[in-house]
């Protein structure tokens, strides 16, 4: 899992994914995130759960990948492209 980081027009990523290297669900989720972020011109970041604070590791360990939109939890395990687009566009 590449720890890529791209900023949107405002400079801060709107999408954040918490995952782990070698996680096949994380790779699948990242594909969707990259596609949607690229098409909508929003930033995203990928964070490694192994490097997260203990409280965050405890909370999300069994739910990765976890996707956040504007800092709020959005999806667990899989990313719905339709739901992600709706959350980012308000539709």
C-alpha atoms as a PDB file:
ATOM      1  CA  UNK A   1       0.000   0.000   0.000  1.00  0.00           C
ATOM      2  CA  UNK A   2       1.587   3.203  -1.147  1.00  0.00           C
ATOM      3  CA  UNK A   3       1.487   6.063   1.328  1.00  0.00           C
ATOM      4  CA  UNK A   4       0.561   8.653  -1.264  1.00  0.00           C
ATOM      5  CA  UNK A   5      -0.703  12.061  -0.399  1.00  0.00           C
ATOM      6  CA  UNK A   6      -2.340  14.498  -2.769  1.00  0.00           C
ATOM      7  CA  UNK A   7      -3.879  17.815  -1.900  1.00  0.00           C
ATOM      8  CA  UNK A   8      -7.057  19.196  -3.332  1.00  0.00           C
ATOM      9  CA  UNK A   9      -7.639  22.778  -4.404  1.00  0.00           C
ATOM     10  CA  UNK A  10      -7.933  23.933  -0.786  1.00  0.00           C
ATOM     11  CA  UNK A  11      -4.646  22.226   0.116  1.00  0.00           C
ATOM     12  CA  UNK A  12      -6.054  19.685   2.582  1.00  0.00           C
ATOM     13  CA  UNK A  13      -7.137  16.189   1.535  1.00  0.00           C
ATOM     14  CA  UNK A  14     -10.899  15.583   1.814  1.00  0.00           C
ATOM     15  CA  UNK A  15     -10.557  11.794   1.740  1.00  0.00           C
ATOM     16  CA  UNK A  16      -8.429   9.841   4.155  1.00  0.00           C
ATOM     17  CA  UNK A  17      -7.983   6.081   4.167  1.00  0.00           C
ATOM     18  CA  UNK A  18      -6.637   4.164   7.134  1.00  0.00           C
ATOM     19  CA  UNK A  19      -5.213   0.787   6.157  1.00  0.00           C
ATOM     20  CA  UNK A  20      -2.265  -1.570   6.332  1.00  0.00           C
ATOM     21  CA  UNK A  21       0.377  -2.729   3.854  1.00  0.00           C
ATOM     22  CA  UNK A  22      -0.505  -6.048   2.236  1.00  0.00           C
ATOM     23  CA  UNK A  23      -4.243  -5.668   2.865  1.00  0.00           C
ATOM     24  CA  UNK A  24      -6.093  -6.633  -0.326  1.00  0.00           C
ATOM     25  CA  UNK A  25      -9.253  -4.777   0.737  1.00  0.00           C
ATOM     26  CA  UNK A  26      -7.124  -1.666   1.277  1.00  0.00           C
ATOM     27  CA  UNK A  27      -5.737  -1.912  -2.256  1.00  0.00           C
ATOM     28  CA  UNK A  28      -9.265  -2.303  -3.654  1.00  0.00           C
ATOM     29  CA  UNK A  29     -10.481   0.697  -1.640  1.00  0.00           C
ATOM     30  CA  UNK A  30      -7.518   2.786  -2.752  1.00  0.00           C
ATOM     31  CA  UNK A  31      -8.347   2.116  -6.410  1.00  0.00           C
ATOM     32  CA  UNK A  32     -11.833   3.551  -5.904  1.00  0.00           C
ATOM     33  CA  UNK A  33     -10.517   6.504  -3.892  1.00  0.00           C
ATOM     34  CA  UNK A  34      -7.893   7.376  -6.516  1.00  0.00           C
ATOM     35  CA  UNK A  35     -10.447   7.218  -9.322  1.00  0.00           C
ATOM     36  CA  UNK A  36     -13.079   9.329  -7.551  1.00  0.00           C
ATOM     37  CA  UNK A  37     -10.576  11.842  -6.149  1.00  0.00           C
ATOM     38  CA  UNK A  38      -8.984  12.262  -9.565  1.00  0.00           C
ATOM     39  CA  UNK A  39     -12.283  12.739 -11.370  1.00  0.00           C
ATOM     40  CA  UNK A  40     -13.592  15.215  -8.792  1.00  0.00           C
ATOM     41  CA  UNK A  41     -10.284  17.004  -8.226  1.00  0.00           C
ATOM     42  CA  UNK A  42     -10.187  16.418  -4.472  1.00  0.00           C
ATOM     43  CA  UNK A  43      -7.217  15.409  -2.376  1.00  0.00           C
ATOM     44  CA  UNK A  44      -6.724  12.131  -0.557  1.00  0.00           C
ATOM     45  CA  UNK A  45      -4.240  10.661   1.859  1.00  0.00           C
ATOM     46  CA  UNK A  46      -3.410   7.131   2.952  1.00  0.00           C
ATOM     47  CA  UNK A  47      -2.444   6.496   6.551  1.00  0.00           C
ATOM     48  CA  UNK A  48      -0.878   3.302   7.910  1.00  0.00           C
ATOM     49  CA  UNK A  49      -2.792   1.873  10.871  1.00  0.00           C
ATOM     50  CA  UNK A  50       0.452   0.340  12.178  1.00  0.00           C
ATOM     51  CA  UNK A  51       1.799   3.874  12.686  1.00  0.00           C
ATOM     52  CA  UNK A  52      -1.380   5.247  14.291  1.00  0.00           C
ATOM     53  CA  UNK A  53      -1.825   6.106  17.968  1.00  0.00           C
ATOM     54  CA  UNK A  54      -2.844   3.112  20.142  1.00  0.00           C
ATOM     55  CA  UNK A  55      -6.433   4.344  20.608  1.00  0.00           C
ATOM     56  CA  UNK A  56      -6.948   4.598  16.842  1.00  0.00           C
ATOM     57  CA  UNK A  57      -5.407   1.149  16.293  1.00  0.00           C
ATOM     58  CA  UNK A  58      -7.716  -0.338  18.916  1.00  0.00           C
ATOM     59  CA  UNK A  59     -10.810   1.319  17.443  1.00  0.00           C
ATOM     60  CA  UNK A  60     -10.223   0.460  13.792  1.00  0.00           C
ATOM     61  CA  UNK A  61      -8.017  -2.674  13.807  1.00  0.00           C
ATOM     62  CA  UNK A  62     -10.737  -5.059  12.650  1.00  0.00           C
ATOM     63  CA  UNK A  63     -12.487  -2.599  10.308  1.00  0.00           C
ATOM     64  CA  UNK A  64      -9.771  -1.643   7.814  1.00  0.00           C
ATOM     65  CA  UNK A  65      -9.765  -0.124   5.413  1.00  0.00           C
ATOM     66  CA  UNK A  66     -11.556   2.795   6.992  1.00  0.00           C
ATOM     67  CA  UNK A  67     -12.425   5.732   4.766  1.00  0.00           C
ATOM     68  CA  UNK A  68     -12.999   9.213   6.173  1.00  0.00           C
ATOM     69  CA  UNK A  69     -14.528  12.155   4.316  1.00  0.00           C
ATOM     70  CA  UNK A  70     -13.750  15.584   5.739  1.00  0.00           C
ATOM     71  CA  UNK A  71     -12.534  13.855   8.918  1.00  0.00           C
ATOM     72  CA  UNK A  72     -15.720  11.858   9.585  1.00  0.00           C
ATOM     73  CA  UNK A  73     -15.824   8.038   9.263  1.00  0.00           C
ATOM     74  CA  UNK A  74     -17.460   7.148   5.963  1.00  0.00           C
ATOM     75  CA  UNK A  75     -16.983   3.470   5.037  1.00  0.00           C
ATOM     76  CA  UNK A  76     -15.426   0.360   6.573  1.00  0.00           C
ATOM     77  CA  UNK A  77     -13.990  -2.691   4.752  1.00  0.00           C
ATOM     78  CA  UNK A  78     -15.118  -1.635   1.276  1.00  0.00           C
ATOM     79  CA  UNK A  79     -15.608   1.722  -0.404  1.00  0.00           C
ATOM     80  CA  UNK A  80     -18.812   2.331  -2.295  1.00  0.00           C
ATOM     81  CA  UNK A  81     -17.948   4.534  -5.250  1.00  0.00           C
ATOM     82  CA  UNK A  82     -21.515   5.829  -5.405  1.00  0.00           C
ATOM     83  CA  UNK A  83     -21.600   6.748  -1.683  1.00  0.00           C
ATOM     84  CA  UNK A  84     -18.154   8.355  -1.846  1.00  0.00           C
ATOM     85  CA  UNK A  85     -19.137  10.523  -4.824  1.00  0.00           C
ATOM     86  CA  UNK A  86     -22.366  11.541  -3.082  1.00  0.00           C
ATOM     87  CA  UNK A  87     -20.506  12.500   0.091  1.00  0.00           C
ATOM     88  CA  UNK A  88     -18.035  14.622  -1.846  1.00  0.00           C
ATOM     89  CA  UNK A  89     -20.542  16.333  -4.125  1.00  0.00           C
ATOM     90  CA  UNK A  90     -23.449  16.676  -1.724  1.00  0.00           C
ATOM     91  CA  UNK A  91     -25.794  14.763  -3.981  1.00  0.00           C
END
